[in-house]
Amino acid sequence: MLYVAVEATCESLTFTDIGLTLTGTVDRVRATPDGLGIADIKTGKTAVAADGTVRTQGHAAQIAVYEILAGHAIGRPIDAAAQIIGLQVAKTDKGRRAGIGTLQSARDILLDDGESPGLLRHAANMLHSGNFYGNPRSQLCHPKYCPAYAGCRWRK
């Protein structure tokens, strides 16, 4: 597999129409016959099922943001299917597993489609209005990750 970028960092990508700025680092961008795609590694006891399948459900929003950030960071569109690489470590051979799942067109859920708003618009509306519920137990409840951290009433 050919990686085009490892630790691709996007310092700032602003969507002026919704007043939202994204920043972040994407693990890997890979070259495929279909174009460039994200490769993201997931670990833990549920990363790979006993039959070797990797669960992709629930990862679309994260992968979609990665696609947008990586495309901006490297100046090329990310349009191939994303890979979720599942790695599970364990004390026994039976518990050690690896597998790959794919996500196609994850970016579609972030963007408006003409009939309904995408997740980016929903997120911007919640942040600007203050109508969201924080989760102070989350590791993302931190000034580095949350733009509303300084004024958040949920973490008190």
C-alpha atoms as a PDB file:
ATOM      1  CA  MET A   1       0.000   0.000   0.000  1.00  0.00           C
ATOM      2  CA  LEU A   2       1.277   3.443  -0.892  1.00  0.00           C
ATOM      3  CA  TYR A   3       0.705   6.205   1.639  1.00  0.00           C
ATOM      4  CA  VAL A   4       0.579   9.711   0.199  1.00  0.00           C
ATOM      5  CA  ALA A   5       0.556  11.362   3.630  1.00  0.00           C
ATOM      6  CA  VAL A   6       1.121  10.280   7.217  1.00  0.00           C
ATOM      7  CA  GLU A   7       0.029  12.655   9.995  1.00  0.00           C
ATOM      8  CA  ALA A   8      -1.413  15.166   7.503  1.00  0.00           C
ATOM      9  CA  THR A   9      -2.158  18.306   9.513  1.00  0.00           C
ATOM     10  CA  CYS A  10      -4.722  20.909   8.562  1.00  0.00           C
ATOM     11  CA  GLU A  11      -4.059  24.032  10.610  1.00  0.00           C
ATOM     12  CA  SER A  12      -7.352  25.731   9.736  1.00  0.00           C
ATOM     13  CA  LEU A  13     -10.239  25.214   7.330  1.00  0.00           C
ATOM     14  CA  THR A  14     -13.025  27.778   7.724  1.00  0.00           C
ATOM     15  CA  PHE A  15     -16.547  27.409   6.378  1.00  0.00           C
ATOM     16  CA  THR A  16     -17.532  31.076   6.274  1.00  0.00           C
ATOM     17  CA  ASP A  17     -21.172  30.425   5.369  1.00  0.00           C
ATOM     18  CA  ILE A  18     -21.774  28.598   8.673  1.00  0.00           C
ATOM     19  CA  GLY A  19     -19.070  30.228  10.800  1.00  0.00           C
ATOM     20  CA  LEU A  20     -17.222  27.010  11.605  1.00  0.00           C
ATOM     21  CA  THR A  21     -13.491  26.275  11.525  1.00  0.00           C
ATOM     22  CA  LEU A  22     -12.032  22.776  11.548  1.00  0.00           C
ATOM     23  CA  THR A  23      -8.489  21.814  12.441  1.00  0.00           C
ATOM     24  CA  GLY A  24      -6.855  18.461  12.944  1.00  0.00           C
ATOM     25  CA  THR A  25      -4.441  15.747  11.943  1.00  0.00           C
ATOM     26  CA  VAL A  26      -5.310  12.730   9.844  1.00  0.00           C
ATOM     27  CA  ASP A  27      -3.442   9.479  10.452  1.00  0.00           C
ATOM     28  CA  ARG A  28      -2.936   8.311   6.868  1.00  0.00           C
ATOM     29  CA  VAL A  29      -3.948   9.080   3.287  1.00  0.00           C
ATOM     30  CA  ARG A  30      -3.493   6.193   0.897  1.00  0.00           C
ATOM     31  CA  ALA A  31      -3.339   5.965  -2.880  1.00  0.00           C
ATOM     32  CA  THR A  32      -5.738   3.537  -4.551  1.00  0.00           C
ATOM     33  CA  PRO A  33      -6.695   2.894  -8.176  1.00  0.00           C
ATOM     34  CA  ASP A  34      -9.870   4.911  -7.417  1.00  0.00           C
ATOM     35  CA  GLY A  35      -8.011   7.949  -6.045  1.00  0.00           C
ATOM     36  CA  LEU A  36      -6.940   8.966  -2.552  1.00  0.00           C
ATOM     37  CA  GLY A  37      -8.595   7.544   0.555  1.00  0.00           C
ATOM     38  CA  ILE A  38      -8.315   7.726   4.328  1.00  0.00           C
ATOM     39  CA  ALA A  39      -6.865   4.835   6.334  1.00  0.00           C
ATOM     40  CA  ASP A  40      -7.774   5.012  10.029  1.00  0.00           C
ATOM     41  CA  ILE A  41      -6.691   2.517  12.669  1.00  0.00           C
ATOM     42  CA  LYS A  42      -9.079   1.434  15.418  1.00  0.00           C
ATOM     43  CA  THR A  43      -7.928  -0.647  18.367  1.00  0.00           C
ATOM     44  CA  GLY A  44      -9.556  -2.163  21.401  1.00  0.00           C
ATOM     45  CA  LYS A  45     -11.513  -5.211  22.431  1.00  0.00           C
ATOM     46  CA  THR A  46     -14.347  -4.529  19.971  1.00  0.00           C
ATOM     47  CA  ALA A  47     -12.245  -3.370  16.994  1.00  0.00           C
ATOM     48  CA  VAL A  48     -12.599  -6.689  15.157  1.00  0.00           C
ATOM     49  CA  ALA A  49     -15.405  -9.212  15.543  1.00  0.00           C
ATOM     50  CA  ALA A  50     -14.683 -12.908  16.056  1.00  0.00           C
ATOM     51  CA  ASP A  51     -15.500 -13.533  12.371  1.00  0.00           C
ATOM     52  CA  GLY A  52     -12.866 -10.967  11.298  1.00  0.00           C
ATOM     53  CA  THR A  53     -15.232  -8.175  10.300  1.00  0.00           C
ATOM     54  CA  VAL A  54     -14.486  -4.587  11.259  1.00  0.00           C
ATOM     55  CA  ARG A  55     -17.405  -2.474  12.369  1.00  0.00           C
ATOM     56  CA  THR A  56     -17.613   0.722  10.303  1.00  0.00           C
ATOM     57  CA  GLN A  57     -20.939   1.942  11.646  1.00  0.00           C
ATOM     58  CA  GLY A  58     -20.530   4.974  13.861  1.00  0.00           C
ATOM     59  CA  HIS A  59     -17.279   6.112  12.246  1.00  0.00           C
ATOM     60  CA  ALA A  60     -18.704   7.975   9.225  1.00  0.00           C
ATOM     61  CA  ALA A  61     -18.725  11.476  10.757  1.00  0.00           C
ATOM     62  CA  GLN A  62     -15.109  11.184  11.949  1.00  0.00           C
ATOM     63  CA  ILE A  63     -13.931   9.784   8.612  1.00  0.00           C
ATOM     64  CA  ALA A  64     -15.865  12.480   6.739  1.00  0.00           C
ATOM     65  CA  VAL A  65     -14.098  15.220   8.698  1.00  0.00           C
ATOM     66  CA  TYR A  66     -10.786  13.470   8.014  1.00  0.00           C
ATOM     67  CA  GLU A  67     -11.561  13.423   4.279  1.00  0.00           C
ATOM     68  CA  ILE A  68     -12.223  17.161   4.238  1.00  0.00           C
ATOM     69  CA  LEU A  69      -9.222  18.045   6.427  1.00  0.00           C
ATOM     70  CA  ALA A  70      -6.784  15.794   4.550  1.00  0.00           C
ATOM     71  CA  GLY A  71      -7.946  17.050   1.171  1.00  0.00           C
ATOM     72  CA  HIS A  72      -7.367  20.621   2.293  1.00  0.00           C
ATOM     73  CA  ALA A  73      -3.994  19.790   3.897  1.00  0.00           C
ATOM     74  CA  ILE A  74      -2.512  18.077   0.846  1.00  0.00           C
ATOM     75  CA  GLY A  75      -4.359  20.083  -1.802  1.00  0.00           C
ATOM     76  CA  ARG A  76      -5.941  17.054  -3.476  1.00  0.00           C
ATOM     77  CA  PRO A  77      -9.446  15.594  -3.225  1.00  0.00           C
ATOM     78  CA  ILE A  78     -10.029  12.528  -1.074  1.00  0.00           C
ATOM     79  CA  ASP A  79     -12.581  10.586  -3.083  1.00  0.00           C
ATOM     80  CA  ALA A  80     -11.832   6.871  -2.692  1.00  0.00           C
ATOM     81  CA  ALA A  81     -13.449   4.674  -0.050  1.00  0.00           C
ATOM     82  CA  ALA A  82     -11.988   4.977   3.437  1.00  0.00           C
ATOM     83  CA  GLN A  83     -10.454   2.006   5.216  1.00  0.00           C
ATOM     84  CA  ILE A  84     -11.081   1.275   8.867  1.00  0.00           C
ATOM     85  CA  ILE A  85      -8.205  -0.953   9.958  1.00  0.00           C
ATOM     86  CA  GLY A  86      -9.171  -2.890  13.063  1.00  0.00           C
ATOM     87  CA  LEU A  87      -6.462  -4.240  15.344  1.00  0.00           C
ATOM     88  CA  GLN A  88      -7.254  -6.213  18.442  1.00  0.00           C
ATOM     89  CA  VAL A  89      -4.565  -7.362  20.835  1.00  0.00           C
ATOM     90  CA  ALA A  90      -5.064 -10.019  23.455  1.00  0.00           C
ATOM     91  CA  LYS A  91      -3.161 -12.486  25.601  1.00  0.00           C
ATOM     92  CA  THR A  92      -4.275 -15.467  23.506  1.00  0.00           C
ATOM     93  CA  ASP A  93      -3.972 -16.177  19.793  1.00  0.00           C
ATOM     94  CA  LYS A  94      -7.747 -16.563  19.619  1.00  0.00           C
ATOM     95  CA  GLY A  95      -8.234 -13.010  20.868  1.00  0.00           C
ATOM     96  CA  ARG A  96      -5.745 -11.404  18.484  1.00  0.00           C
ATOM     97  CA  ARG A  97      -7.408 -10.234  15.302  1.00  0.00           C
ATOM     98  CA  ALA A  98      -6.944  -7.818  12.431  1.00  0.00           C
ATOM     99  CA  GLY A  99      -9.297  -6.814   9.670  1.00  0.00           C
ATOM    100  CA  ILE A 100     -10.274  -4.061   7.262  1.00  0.00           C
ATOM    101  CA  GLY A 101     -13.674  -2.480   6.713  1.00  0.00           C
ATOM    102  CA  THR A 102     -14.543   0.183   4.151  1.00  0.00           C
ATOM    103  CA  LEU A 103     -16.669   3.330   4.181  1.00  0.00           C
ATOM    104  CA  GLN A 104     -17.794   4.873   0.918  1.00  0.00           C
ATOM    105  CA  SER A 105     -18.837   8.529   0.554  1.00  0.00           C
ATOM    106  CA  ALA A 106     -18.646   9.325   4.266  1.00  0.00           C
ATOM    107  CA  ARG A 107     -18.352  13.029   3.452  1.00  0.00           C
ATOM    108  CA  ASP A 108     -21.962  13.121   2.226  1.00  0.00           C
ATOM    109  CA  ILE A 109     -23.341  13.246   5.789  1.00  0.00           C
ATOM    110  CA  LEU A 110     -21.402  16.432   6.605  1.00  0.00           C
ATOM    111  CA  LEU A 111     -22.562  18.577   3.728  1.00  0.00           C
ATOM    112  CA  ASP A 112     -25.966  20.068   2.912  1.00  0.00           C
ATOM    113  CA  ASP A 113     -27.692  18.133   0.140  1.00  0.00           C
ATOM    114  CA  GLY A 114     -30.204  20.749  -1.019  1.00  0.00           C
ATOM    115  CA  GLU A 115     -33.058  19.193   0.950  1.00  0.00           C
ATOM    116  CA  SER A 116     -31.613  18.943   4.438  1.00  0.00           C
ATOM    117  CA  PRO A 117     -28.649  20.376   6.337  1.00  0.00           C
ATOM    118  CA  GLY A 118     -25.519  18.312   6.876  1.00  0.00           C
ATOM    119  CA  LEU A 119     -23.842  17.601  10.197  1.00  0.00           C
ATOM    120  CA  LEU A 120     -21.480  20.568   9.852  1.00  0.00           C
ATOM    121  CA  ARG A 121     -24.414  22.997   9.676  1.00  0.00           C
ATOM    122  CA  HIS A 122     -26.097  21.275  12.651  1.00  0.00           C
ATOM    123  CA  ALA A 123     -22.873  21.505  14.664  1.00  0.00           C
ATOM    124  CA  ALA A 124     -22.403  25.175  13.787  1.00  0.00           C
ATOM    125  CA  ASN A 125     -25.995  25.976  14.753  1.00  0.00           C
ATOM    126  CA  MET A 126     -25.608  24.235  18.119  1.00  0.00           C
ATOM    127  CA  LEU A 127     -22.287  25.918  18.906  1.00  0.00           C
ATOM    128  CA  HIS A 128     -23.468  29.394  17.909  1.00  0.00           C
ATOM    129  CA  SER A 129     -26.771  29.129  19.771  1.00  0.00           C
ATOM    130  CA  GLY A 130     -25.364  27.355  22.833  1.00  0.00           C
ATOM    131  CA  ASN A 131     -28.034  24.670  22.456  1.00  0.00           C
ATOM    132  CA  PHE A 132     -25.905  21.620  23.021  1.00  0.00           C
ATOM    133  CA  TYR A 133     -25.203  19.390  25.958  1.00  0.00           C
ATOM    134  CA  GLY A 134     -21.609  18.983  26.973  1.00  0.00           C
ATOM    135  CA  ASN A 135     -20.136  15.758  28.254  1.00  0.00           C
ATOM    136  CA  PRO A 136     -17.599  16.598  30.964  1.00  0.00           C
ATOM    137  CA  ARG A 137     -16.664  12.912  31.280  1.00  0.00           C
ATOM    138  CA  SER A 138     -15.466  12.816  27.689  1.00  0.00           C
ATOM    139  CA  GLN A 139     -11.757  13.132  26.936  1.00  0.00           C
ATOM    140  CA  LEU A 140     -12.865  15.659  24.321  1.00  0.00           C
ATOM    141  CA  CYS A 141     -14.028  17.982  27.114  1.00  0.00           C
ATOM    142  CA  HIS A 142     -10.834  19.992  26.863  1.00  0.00           C
ATOM    143  CA  PRO A 143      -9.942  23.444  25.511  1.00  0.00           C
ATOM    144  CA  LYS A 144      -7.897  21.789  22.764  1.00  0.00           C
ATOM    145  CA  TYR A 145     -10.956  19.993  21.346  1.00  0.00           C
ATOM    146  CA  CYS A 146     -14.025  22.038  22.245  1.00  0.00           C
ATOM    147  CA  PRO A 147     -14.511  25.577  20.947  1.00  0.00           C
ATOM    148  CA  ALA A 148     -17.130  26.247  23.651  1.00  0.00           C
ATOM    149  CA  TYR A 149     -14.956  25.019  26.536  1.00  0.00           C
ATOM    150  CA  ALA A 150     -14.320  28.418  28.146  1.00  0.00           C
ATOM    151  CA  GLY A 151     -18.015  29.228  28.541  1.00  0.00           C
ATOM    152  CA  CYS A 152     -19.432  25.725  28.921  1.00  0.00           C
ATOM    153  CA  ARG A 153     -21.842  25.406  31.803  1.00  0.00           C
ATOM    154  CA  TRP A 154     -21.963  21.598  31.556  1.00  0.00           C
ATOM    155  CA  ARG A 155     -18.449  20.956  32.869  1.00  0.00           C
ATOM    156  CA  LYS A 156     -18.923  22.782  36.186  1.00  0.00           C
END
